[in-house]
C-alpha cells in the first residue's frame, strides 16, 4: 500500500467528526461477525475505528491495516448495537475508499504467501475488476449464465467442484460456482414498462429491477409488480434502468458508484414517479444514501461547482422517494385478500434492510397477516449470513463459515421455507443448505405475499 497517507482535507475533517462519537465501550464486539470469528480487536468496529484515527493522525496505510478494512462485511450490526449512535457506515466506506485509491496508485506486486493479508496483487486486482465488470451489468451477467446453465444441466458443475480445480485456480471462482443458483431459477425475460393497478388506483410507483435480482431472480420482480398492482398501484418499470451502484459504493469505489447513480437518477426523473419501490435490501440502502454521497462530493468540489451542487439536490430528491417494498406496503391498508398459506417459515433479516435501513417490523407484520403462515425467528437473526455484496467472492473462507453458521440456525427452526429480502442472502443461504442436503425452500417476501394473494402455495 501507499507509504504516505491520503487522509487530509475536507474528507478527513468530516470523518474526524464521526469517529469522535465512538467511546470504545465495546458494545459492538459481540455484534460483529468478524470479531465473533477471530476474536481480534482490529477486526471489530471499535478496532477499525482506532485504525482510522491512526491514519487521520498521519500513520501510513499498511497492508495489515487494509486487510482489516477488507475483512469487514459492512453489515452494520454494530450500528444497531451502538449506544452512542456512531455512524460506522460512513467510517468503513471512507476507509475502503482510501484502500482502493491507494491500490490504484501503488504498483501491484506478486502474491507473497508469507504475507497476510496480501497486497493488491495483480491477481487480486484482476479478480476485483472482473467482479465489477460483470455483476453491475445485467446483460453481461445474463450472457455469463449461458455456460453456467450448460454445466448445471450436464452435471459438469458438480464434477468440476468435486475435483477441487476451481479452488486451486481461484477461491473467488470456486465461491461463485458454489453460490450460483441452480438451472431454471434464472429464466430470461423482459418486464412491461407499466403494470396497471387492479381495481381503483391508489398510487403510481416506480420499480427498480436491479442487476443480480433481474438476472437470477426475475420471479421476485414479477411477484413484486403483481403485489403492488393488487394493492392498487400503477407500477412503472423503466426499460433503460441500470445498476444503482450499491456493490461499488459499499466497496469503496466511489467514482464508479456515483456514475451508476447519476444514470439511475436521470432514469427515474424521466419516469416522473414520486415513490421508487426497491425489493433488494442492498440496493435500497445505497439509493437512500445517494443524498449523503453527492452531498460529500459537492462539499469536496467546493462552493463554486454548481454542477456538483445540482447533482446533490437531485440525489437528495431521489433518496427521499426510495422505499423498500415492505416499508411501502406497511403504510398501505391492504385491499387485496390474503388466502391461507399453511407453511412454517423462518424470516431472515438481510443486514442492509434490518441494520442499515432499520426495517424489521414491517416485513414481519406483512407476513403475519397471511392466514395459517407460521412465522418463526432464526436464532442469530442479527448476524450476517456472509453474503455482504461481493464479500463471499472476495473473502470466501470467512463467508463460508458465517454461511454455515446461518444454515445451522435456519435448520434449528425446523421451518420448511426461508424468507429473505436480498438476492445475495438468498444465494448464500440456499447454497449452504443445498451443500448439506437440506430440503428447505427459499423465497422473497414479495413471493410469499404474491402466493397468498393469488391463492397459490408452491411450498405445500
Protein backbone atom coordinates (compact mmCIF):
# COMPACT_ATOMS: atom_id res chain seq x y z
CA UNK A 1 0.00 0.00 0.00
CA UNK A 2 0.94 3.64 -0.07
CA UNK A 3 3.76 4.81 2.15
CA UNK A 4 2.03 8.15 2.57
CA UNK A 5 -1.39 8.87 3.93
CA UNK A 6 -4.13 10.43 1.77
CA UNK A 7 -6.29 11.23 4.80
CA UNK A 8 -6.31 15.01 4.64
CA UNK A 9 -8.64 17.83 3.67
CA UNK A 10 -12.43 18.07 3.83
CA UNK A 11 -12.97 14.32 3.85
CA UNK A 12 -10.64 13.85 6.81
CA UNK A 13 -12.28 16.67 8.77
CA UNK A 14 -15.68 15.15 8.10
CA UNK A 15 -14.54 11.75 9.28
CA UNK A 16 -12.93 13.08 12.47
CA UNK A 17 -16.32 14.45 13.47
CA UNK A 18 -17.81 10.98 13.06
CA UNK A 19 -15.11 8.88 14.72
CA UNK A 20 -15.07 11.02 17.87
CA UNK A 21 -18.55 9.70 18.71
CA UNK A 22 -17.02 6.30 19.46
CA UNK A 23 -16.31 5.96 23.20
CA UNK A 24 -14.78 2.46 22.76
CA UNK A 25 -17.37 0.93 25.08
CA UNK A 26 -17.24 -2.46 23.37
CA UNK A 27 -20.97 -2.98 22.78
CA UNK A 28 -20.14 -3.57 19.12
CA UNK A 29 -17.84 -6.52 19.81
CA UNK A 30 -20.38 -9.34 20.29
CA UNK A 31 -22.46 -7.99 17.40
CA UNK A 32 -19.57 -8.03 14.90
CA UNK A 33 -19.34 -11.20 12.76
CA UNK A 34 -15.60 -10.96 12.16
CA UNK A 35 -14.90 -10.42 15.85
CA UNK A 36 -17.06 -13.49 16.53
CA UNK A 37 -14.94 -15.47 14.09
CA UNK A 38 -11.46 -14.39 15.12
CA UNK A 39 -11.65 -12.50 18.43
CA UNK A 40 -9.19 -9.92 17.10
CA UNK A 41 -9.62 -6.34 18.32
CA UNK A 42 -8.58 -4.87 14.96
CA UNK A 43 -11.28 -6.96 13.29
CA UNK A 44 -14.01 -5.32 15.34
CA UNK A 45 -15.72 -1.98 14.62
CA UNK A 46 -14.01 -0.43 17.62
CA UNK A 47 -10.64 -1.64 16.41
CA UNK A 48 -11.19 -0.45 12.85
CA UNK A 49 -12.22 2.98 14.13
CA UNK A 50 -8.96 3.07 16.09
CA UNK A 51 -7.08 2.29 12.86
CA UNK A 52 -8.93 5.07 11.04
CA UNK A 53 -7.96 7.54 13.75
CA UNK A 54 -4.34 6.47 13.43
CA UNK A 55 -4.50 7.13 9.69
CA UNK A 56 -6.07 10.53 10.30
CA UNK A 57 -3.16 11.29 12.62
CA UNK A 58 -0.66 10.51 9.86
CA UNK A 59 0.08 6.80 10.13
CA UNK A 60 0.80 5.04 6.81
CA UNK A 61 -1.81 2.79 5.23
CA UNK A 62 -0.13 -0.59 5.54
CA UNK A 63 -1.15 -3.92 4.06
CA UNK A 64 -2.21 -5.15 7.51
CA UNK A 65 -4.44 -2.14 8.08
CA UNK A 66 -6.01 -2.50 4.64
CA UNK A 67 -6.63 -6.16 5.38
CA UNK A 68 -8.65 -5.33 8.49
CA UNK A 69 -10.82 -2.96 6.44
CA UNK A 70 -11.24 -5.54 3.68
CA UNK A 71 -12.30 -8.16 6.22
CA UNK A 72 -15.28 -6.06 7.39
CA UNK A 73 -18.59 -7.26 5.96
CA UNK A 74 -20.19 -3.82 6.18
CA UNK A 75 -23.23 -5.48 7.75
CA UNK A 76 -23.83 -2.55 10.15
CA UNK A 77 -24.82 -4.82 13.04
CA UNK A 78 -22.55 -2.63 15.14
CA UNK A 79 -24.74 0.38 14.39
CA UNK A 80 -27.77 -1.43 15.79
CA UNK A 81 -25.79 -2.35 18.91
CA UNK A 82 -24.04 1.01 19.42
CA UNK A 83 -25.47 3.13 22.28
CA UNK A 84 -23.60 6.21 21.06
CA UNK A 85 -25.05 6.31 17.55
CA UNK A 86 -21.68 6.03 15.82
CA UNK A 87 -22.14 6.21 12.04
CA UNK A 88 -19.86 3.31 11.29
CA UNK A 89 -21.19 3.00 7.73
CA UNK A 90 -19.56 6.32 6.85
CA UNK A 91 -16.32 5.31 8.55
CA UNK A 92 -15.83 1.95 6.86
CA UNK A 93 -16.89 3.16 3.41
CA UNK A 94 -14.42 6.04 3.59
CA UNK A 95 -11.68 3.69 4.81
CA UNK A 96 -12.38 1.41 1.87
CA UNK A 97 -12.16 4.36 -0.49
CA UNK A 98 -8.68 5.09 0.88
CA UNK A 99 -7.69 1.45 0.33
CA UNK A 100 -8.99 1.45 -3.25
CA UNK A 101 -7.28 4.77 -4.01
CA UNK A 102 -4.01 3.50 -2.55
CA UNK A 103 -4.28 0.27 -4.52
CA UNK A 104 -4.78 2.21 -7.73
CA UNK A 105 -1.81 4.44 -7.01
CA UNK A 106 0.56 1.66 -5.94
CA UNK A 107 2.49 -0.57 -8.29
CA UNK A 108 0.94 -4.05 -7.98
CA UNK A 109 3.22 -6.80 -6.72
CA UNK A 110 3.17 -10.58 -6.92
CA UNK A 111 1.44 -12.73 -4.32
CA UNK A 112 3.56 -13.26 -1.23
CA UNK A 113 2.44 -16.45 0.59
CA UNK A 114 4.08 -15.36 3.81
CA UNK A 115 2.30 -12.03 3.87
CA UNK A 116 -1.12 -11.74 5.50
CA UNK A 117 -3.12 -10.05 4.28
CA UNK A 118 -1.67 -9.86 0.78
CA UNK A 119 -1.16 -6.63 -1.08
CA UNK A 120 -3.40 -5.80 -4.00
CA UNK A 121 -1.54 -8.20 -6.24
CA UNK A 122 -2.11 -8.45 -9.98
CA UNK A 123 -4.34 -11.46 -9.32
CA UNK A 124 -6.37 -9.65 -6.66
CA UNK A 125 -6.80 -6.56 -8.80
CA UNK A 126 -7.81 -8.66 -11.80
CA UNK A 127 -10.37 -10.50 -9.67
CA UNK A 128 -11.90 -7.30 -8.40
CA UNK A 129 -12.02 -5.75 -11.85
CA UNK A 130 -13.70 -8.87 -13.22
CA UNK A 131 -16.33 -8.79 -10.48
CA UNK A 132 -17.16 -5.13 -11.05
CA UNK A 133 -17.11 -5.54 -14.82
CA UNK A 134 -19.74 -8.28 -14.57
CA UNK A 135 -22.23 -8.07 -11.72
CA UNK A 136 -23.41 -4.44 -12.11
CA UNK A 137 -24.29 -5.11 -15.77
CA UNK A 138 -27.40 -7.30 -16.19
CA UNK A 139 -26.82 -8.05 -19.87
CA UNK A 140 -23.27 -9.22 -19.22
CA UNK A 141 -24.37 -11.26 -16.23
CA UNK A 142 -27.19 -12.80 -18.26
CA UNK A 143 -24.74 -13.76 -21.01
CA UNK A 144 -22.44 -15.34 -18.43
CA UNK A 145 -25.25 -17.61 -17.20
CA UNK A 146 -25.28 -19.48 -20.54
CA UNK A 147 -22.19 -21.60 -19.84
CA UNK A 148 -23.33 -21.99 -16.22
CA UNK A 149 -26.69 -23.41 -17.30
CA UNK A 150 -24.96 -25.86 -19.63
CA UNK A 151 -22.62 -27.01 -16.85
CA UNK A 152 -25.54 -27.48 -14.45
CA UNK A 153 -27.69 -29.37 -16.97
CA UNK A 154 -24.89 -31.80 -17.76
CA UNK A 155 -23.74 -32.13 -14.16
CA UNK A 156 -20.33 -30.80 -15.14
CA UNK A 157 -20.50 -28.13 -12.42
CA UNK A 158 -20.60 -30.79 -9.69
CA UNK A 159 -17.76 -32.73 -11.25
CA UNK A 160 -15.65 -29.60 -11.55
CA UNK A 161 -16.40 -28.58 -7.97
CA UNK A 162 -15.60 -32.07 -6.68
CA UNK A 163 -12.26 -32.02 -8.49
CA UNK A 164 -11.12 -29.02 -6.44
CA UNK A 165 -9.80 -27.36 -9.58
CA UNK A 166 -11.72 -24.04 -9.16
CA UNK A 167 -10.40 -23.62 -5.61
CA UNK A 168 -6.84 -24.18 -6.81
CA UNK A 169 -7.22 -21.73 -9.68
CA UNK A 170 -9.17 -19.05 -7.82
CA UNK A 171 -11.05 -19.08 -4.48
CA UNK A 172 -13.35 -16.46 -5.98
CA UNK A 173 -14.26 -18.70 -8.93
CA UNK A 174 -14.87 -21.59 -6.55
CA UNK A 175 -17.15 -19.44 -4.39
CA UNK A 176 -19.04 -18.13 -7.44
CA UNK A 177 -19.67 -21.68 -8.63
CA UNK A 178 -20.92 -22.76 -5.21
CA UNK A 179 -23.40 -19.92 -4.70
CA UNK A 180 -24.76 -19.75 -8.27
CA UNK A 181 -28.49 -20.54 -8.47
CA UNK A 182 -29.47 -23.88 -9.94
CA UNK A 183 -30.73 -24.34 -13.51
CA UNK A 184 -34.18 -22.98 -14.17
CA UNK A 185 -34.05 -20.38 -11.43
CA UNK A 186 -32.98 -17.52 -13.65
CA UNK A 187 -35.06 -17.51 -16.88
CA UNK A 188 -34.56 -14.66 -19.31
CA UNK A 189 -37.36 -12.20 -19.96
CA UNK A 190 -38.36 -8.57 -20.04
CA UNK A 191 -40.98 -6.81 -17.99
CA UNK A 192 -43.60 -4.44 -19.39
CA UNK A 193 -42.88 -0.78 -18.76
CA UNK A 194 -46.19 -0.43 -16.94
CA UNK A 195 -48.23 -2.84 -14.84
CA UNK A 196 -51.67 -1.29 -14.22
CA UNK A 197 -53.37 -1.26 -10.84
CA UNK A 198 -56.03 -3.84 -10.12
CA UNK A 199 -59.23 -2.00 -9.25
CA UNK A 200 -59.09 1.59 -8.05
CA UNK A 201 -55.70 3.19 -8.45
CA UNK A 202 -54.24 4.26 -5.12
CA UNK A 203 -50.68 5.18 -6.14
CA UNK A 204 -48.24 5.37 -9.02
CA UNK A 205 -44.84 3.93 -8.18
CA UNK A 206 -41.59 3.17 -9.97
CA UNK A 207 -39.86 -0.17 -9.51
CA UNK A 208 -36.15 -0.94 -9.50
CA UNK A 209 -35.39 -4.25 -11.21
CA UNK A 210 -31.76 -4.44 -10.09
CA UNK A 211 -28.78 -6.31 -11.51
CA UNK A 212 -28.47 -9.68 -9.78
CA UNK A 213 -32.18 -9.59 -8.96
CA UNK A 214 -33.24 -9.12 -12.58
CA UNK A 215 -30.99 -11.91 -13.87
CA UNK A 216 -31.06 -14.56 -11.14
CA UNK A 217 -34.45 -13.77 -9.57
CA UNK A 218 -36.78 -12.25 -12.18
CA UNK A 219 -39.61 -14.10 -10.46
CA UNK A 220 -39.10 -11.81 -7.45
CA UNK A 221 -39.54 -8.76 -9.64
CA UNK A 222 -42.65 -10.31 -11.22
CA UNK A 223 -44.10 -11.03 -7.79
CA UNK A 224 -43.27 -7.51 -6.61
CA UNK A 225 -45.11 -5.96 -9.55
CA UNK A 226 -48.14 -8.24 -9.05
CA UNK A 227 -48.38 -7.47 -5.33
CA UNK A 228 -48.14 -3.71 -5.92
CA UNK A 229 -50.76 -3.88 -8.66
CA UNK A 230 -53.04 -5.99 -6.47
CA UNK A 231 -52.78 -3.30 -3.80
CA UNK A 232 -53.93 -0.63 -6.26
CA UNK A 233 -50.65 0.69 -7.65
CA UNK A 234 -49.74 1.53 -11.21
CA UNK A 235 -46.18 0.16 -11.45
CA UNK A 236 -43.78 1.97 -13.77
CA UNK A 237 -40.73 -0.13 -14.71
CA UNK A 238 -38.27 1.98 -16.75
CA UNK A 239 -36.82 -0.17 -19.52
CA UNK A 240 -33.41 1.53 -19.61
CA UNK A 241 -32.63 1.46 -15.89
CA UNK A 242 -29.19 0.22 -14.87
CA UNK A 243 -27.19 -0.55 -11.75
CA UNK A 244 -27.82 1.54 -8.64
CA UNK A 245 -24.13 1.41 -7.66
CA UNK A 246 -24.61 -0.49 -4.40
CA UNK A 247 -21.84 -3.03 -4.94
CA UNK A 248 -19.43 -0.25 -5.90
CA UNK A 249 -20.28 2.18 -3.10
CA UNK A 250 -20.11 -0.49 -0.41
CA UNK A 251 -16.67 -1.50 -1.74
CA UNK A 252 -15.10 1.97 -1.71
CA UNK A 253 -15.38 2.55 -5.46
CA UNK A 254 -16.96 5.99 -5.07
CA UNK A 255 -16.47 7.40 -8.57
CA UNK A 256 -17.90 4.25 -10.12
CA UNK A 257 -20.86 4.28 -7.73
CA UNK A 258 -21.57 7.95 -8.48
CA UNK A 259 -21.55 7.21 -12.22
CA UNK A 260 -24.15 4.47 -11.84
CA UNK A 261 -26.18 6.68 -9.51
CA UNK A 262 -26.30 9.62 -11.95
CA UNK A 263 -27.69 7.42 -14.71
CA UNK A 264 -30.31 5.92 -12.41
CA UNK A 265 -31.34 9.34 -11.10
CA UNK A 266 -31.86 10.53 -14.68
CA UNK A 267 -33.88 7.41 -15.49
CA UNK A 268 -36.31 7.77 -12.62
CA UNK A 269 -36.55 11.53 -13.04
CA UNK A 270 -37.77 10.84 -16.58
CA UNK A 271 -40.26 8.28 -15.24
CA UNK A 272 -41.90 11.04 -13.18
CA UNK A 273 -42.80 8.90 -10.15
CA UNK A 274 -42.98 10.11 -6.57
CA UNK A 275 -42.09 6.76 -5.00
CA UNK A 276 -39.49 4.21 -6.08
CA UNK A 277 -40.00 0.68 -4.77
CA UNK A 278 -36.91 -1.44 -4.17
CA UNK A 279 -37.04 -5.15 -3.34
CA UNK A 280 -33.31 -5.67 -2.78
CA UNK A 281 -32.01 -4.61 0.63
CA UNK A 282 -28.54 -3.62 -0.55
CA UNK A 283 -29.89 -1.55 -3.43
CA UNK A 284 -32.41 0.25 -1.24
CA UNK A 285 -29.75 1.09 1.31
CA UNK A 286 -27.42 2.50 -1.36
CA UNK A 287 -30.15 4.57 -3.01
CA UNK A 288 -31.17 6.07 0.31
CA UNK A 289 -27.51 7.04 0.73
CA UNK A 290 -27.36 8.95 -2.58
CA UNK A 291 -28.12 12.15 -0.68
CA UNK A 292 -25.06 11.74 1.53
CA UNK A 293 -22.83 10.51 -1.30
CA UNK A 294 -23.50 13.50 -3.53
CA UNK A 295 -23.51 15.99 -0.65
CA UNK A 296 -19.97 14.84 0.16
CA UNK A 297 -18.94 15.04 -3.48
CA UNK A 298 -20.33 18.59 -3.66
CA UNK A 299 -18.52 19.59 -0.46
CA UNK A 300 -15.26 18.20 -1.80
CA UNK A 301 -15.79 20.04 -5.10
CA UNK A 302 -16.25 23.38 -3.34
CA UNK A 303 -18.99 26.05 -3.32
CA UNK A 304 -18.16 27.23 -6.84
CA UNK A 305 -19.02 23.93 -8.51
CA UNK A 306 -22.65 24.46 -9.49
CA UNK A 307 -22.91 21.12 -11.30
CA UNK A 308 -21.88 19.20 -8.19
CA UNK A 309 -24.39 21.20 -6.15
CA UNK A 310 -27.12 20.44 -8.68
CA UNK A 311 -26.41 16.72 -8.53
CA UNK A 312 -26.52 16.87 -4.73
CA UNK A 313 -30.02 18.34 -4.92
CA UNK A 314 -31.19 15.77 -7.43
CA UNK A 315 -29.70 12.94 -5.41
CA UNK A 316 -31.43 14.15 -2.25
CA UNK A 317 -34.75 14.28 -4.11
CA UNK A 318 -34.38 10.71 -5.32
CA UNK A 319 -33.28 9.38 -1.92
CA UNK A 320 -36.45 10.83 -0.44
CA UNK A 321 -38.51 8.82 -2.95
CA UNK A 322 -36.99 5.40 -2.18
CA UNK A 323 -39.00 2.87 -0.21
CA UNK A 324 -38.35 -0.78 0.45
CA UNK A 325 -41.27 -2.92 -0.69
CA UNK A 326 -42.23 -3.94 2.84
CA UNK A 327 -41.78 -0.39 4.11
CA UNK A 328 -44.18 0.91 1.44
CA UNK A 329 -46.79 -1.84 1.79
CA UNK A 330 -46.84 -1.49 5.58
CA UNK A 331 -48.02 2.10 5.06
CA UNK A 332 -50.98 0.98 2.96
CA UNK A 333 -54.16 -0.57 4.25
CA UNK A 334 -54.23 -3.90 2.39
CA UNK A 335 -57.10 -4.26 -0.08
CA UNK A 336 -56.09 -7.50 -1.78
CA UNK A 337 -57.43 -10.60 0.00
CA UNK A 338 -54.95 -12.94 1.65
CA UNK A 339 -55.51 -16.66 1.20
CA UNK A 340 -54.13 -19.21 3.68
CA UNK A 341 -50.58 -20.48 3.34
CA UNK A 342 -50.12 -23.39 5.75
CA UNK A 343 -46.34 -23.15 5.85
CA UNK A 344 -43.80 -22.87 8.65
CA UNK A 345 -41.40 -20.14 7.55
CA UNK A 346 -38.24 -18.62 9.02
CA UNK A 347 -37.64 -14.94 8.29
CA UNK A 348 -34.02 -13.88 7.69
CA UNK A 349 -33.14 -10.24 8.34
CA UNK A 350 -30.97 -9.01 5.48
CA UNK A 351 -28.34 -6.76 7.05
CA UNK A 352 -28.91 -3.81 4.72
CA UNK A 353 -32.62 -3.97 5.47
CA UNK A 354 -32.55 -4.55 9.21
CA UNK A 355 -29.36 -2.81 10.33
CA UNK A 356 -28.79 -0.22 7.61
CA UNK A 357 -32.41 0.79 6.97
CA UNK A 358 -33.92 -0.16 10.31
CA UNK A 359 -36.71 -2.15 8.66
CA UNK A 360 -37.50 -5.21 10.75
CA UNK A 361 -41.10 -4.92 11.96
CA UNK A 362 -42.70 -4.18 8.58
CA UNK A 363 -41.93 -7.45 6.78
CA UNK A 364 -42.92 -9.45 9.83
CA UNK A 365 -46.18 -7.55 10.08
CA UNK A 366 -46.98 -8.18 6.41
CA UNK A 367 -46.14 -11.86 6.64
CA UNK A 368 -48.03 -12.12 9.92
CA UNK A 369 -51.17 -11.01 8.05
CA UNK A 370 -51.19 -14.19 5.96
CA UNK A 371 -53.60 -16.78 7.37
CA UNK A 372 -52.06 -20.05 8.56
CA UNK A 373 -48.48 -18.91 7.87
CA UNK A 374 -46.38 -19.78 10.92
CA UNK A 375 -43.51 -17.31 11.11
CA UNK A 376 -40.58 -18.32 13.30
CA UNK A 377 -37.41 -16.47 14.26
CA UNK A 378 -33.87 -17.53 13.41
CA UNK A 379 -31.62 -17.84 16.44
CA UNK A 380 -28.90 -15.43 15.31
CA UNK A 381 -31.19 -13.05 13.44
CA UNK A 382 -28.84 -10.09 13.77
CA UNK A 383 -25.72 -11.85 12.43
CA UNK A 384 -24.73 -11.60 8.77
CA UNK A 385 -25.03 -14.71 6.61
CA UNK A 386 -21.70 -13.88 4.94
CA UNK A 387 -23.01 -12.68 1.59
CA UNK A 388 -22.48 -8.93 2.11
CA UNK A 389 -22.48 -7.82 -1.52
CA UNK A 390 -19.38 -9.38 -3.07
CA UNK A 391 -17.80 -10.33 0.27
CA UNK A 392 -18.47 -14.03 -0.29
CA UNK A 393 -16.43 -13.77 -3.50
CA UNK A 394 -13.55 -11.74 -2.08
CA UNK A 395 -13.40 -13.30 1.41
CA UNK A 396 -14.72 -16.81 0.70
CA UNK A 397 -13.34 -18.54 3.81
CA UNK A 398 -14.94 -16.15 6.28
CA UNK A 399 -18.13 -16.06 4.24
CA UNK A 400 -18.26 -19.86 4.17
CA UNK A 401 -18.00 -20.09 7.96
CA UNK A 402 -20.65 -17.43 8.51
CA UNK A 403 -22.91 -19.07 5.94
CA UNK A 404 -22.54 -22.42 7.64
CA UNK A 405 -23.47 -20.88 11.00
CA UNK A 406 -26.53 -19.26 9.43
CA UNK A 407 -27.58 -22.56 7.85
CA UNK A 408 -27.29 -24.24 11.28
CA UNK A 409 -29.53 -21.57 12.79
CA UNK A 410 -32.05 -21.88 9.96
CA UNK A 411 -32.24 -25.66 10.26
CA UNK A 412 -32.72 -25.37 14.02
CA UNK A 413 -36.05 -23.59 13.39
CA UNK A 414 -37.41 -26.73 11.66
CA UNK A 415 -39.05 -24.46 9.10
CA UNK A 416 -39.69 -25.64 5.54
CA UNK A 417 -39.30 -22.18 3.99
CA UNK A 418 -36.72 -19.41 4.46
CA UNK A 419 -37.79 -15.86 3.60
CA UNK A 420 -35.30 -13.10 2.78
CA UNK A 421 -35.37 -9.68 1.12
CA UNK A 422 -31.99 -9.64 -0.58
CA UNK A 423 -30.75 -11.71 -3.53
CA UNK A 424 -27.26 -12.14 -2.11
CA UNK A 425 -28.63 -13.55 1.13
CA UNK A 426 -30.88 -15.94 -0.77
CA UNK A 427 -27.95 -17.21 -2.85
CA UNK A 428 -25.72 -17.58 0.19
CA UNK A 429 -28.25 -19.39 2.38
CA UNK A 430 -29.51 -21.58 -0.47
CA UNK A 431 -26.02 -22.76 -1.35
CA UNK A 432 -25.25 -23.63 2.26
CA UNK A 433 -28.49 -25.56 2.70
CA UNK A 434 -28.06 -27.37 -0.61
CA UNK A 435 -24.49 -28.38 0.28
CA UNK A 436 -25.76 -30.21 3.35
CA UNK A 437 -28.73 -31.77 1.52
CA UNK A 438 -31.37 -29.79 3.40
CA UNK A 439 -34.77 -29.62 1.69
CA UNK A 440 -35.67 -26.05 2.61
CA UNK A 441 -37.14 -23.74 0.01
CA UNK A 442 -36.20 -20.07 -0.16
CA UNK A 443 -38.37 -17.13 -1.18
CA UNK A 444 -38.55 -13.35 -1.13
CA UNK A 445 -41.15 -11.56 0.98
CA UNK A 446 -42.81 -10.44 -2.27
CA UNK A 447 -43.18 -14.04 -3.47
CA UNK A 448 -44.88 -15.12 -0.25
CA UNK A 449 -47.32 -12.19 -0.34
CA UNK A 450 -47.98 -12.84 -4.03
CA UNK A 451 -48.69 -16.52 -3.40
CA UNK A 452 -51.18 -15.65 -0.66
CA UNK A 453 -52.93 -13.01 -2.77
CA UNK A 454 -53.22 -15.39 -5.74
CA UNK A 455 -54.27 -18.34 -3.63
CA UNK A 456 -51.30 -20.45 -4.69
CA UNK A 457 -48.98 -22.42 -2.43
CA UNK A 458 -45.84 -23.61 -4.18
CA UNK A 459 -44.40 -24.73 -0.82
CA UNK A 460 -47.22 -27.06 0.15
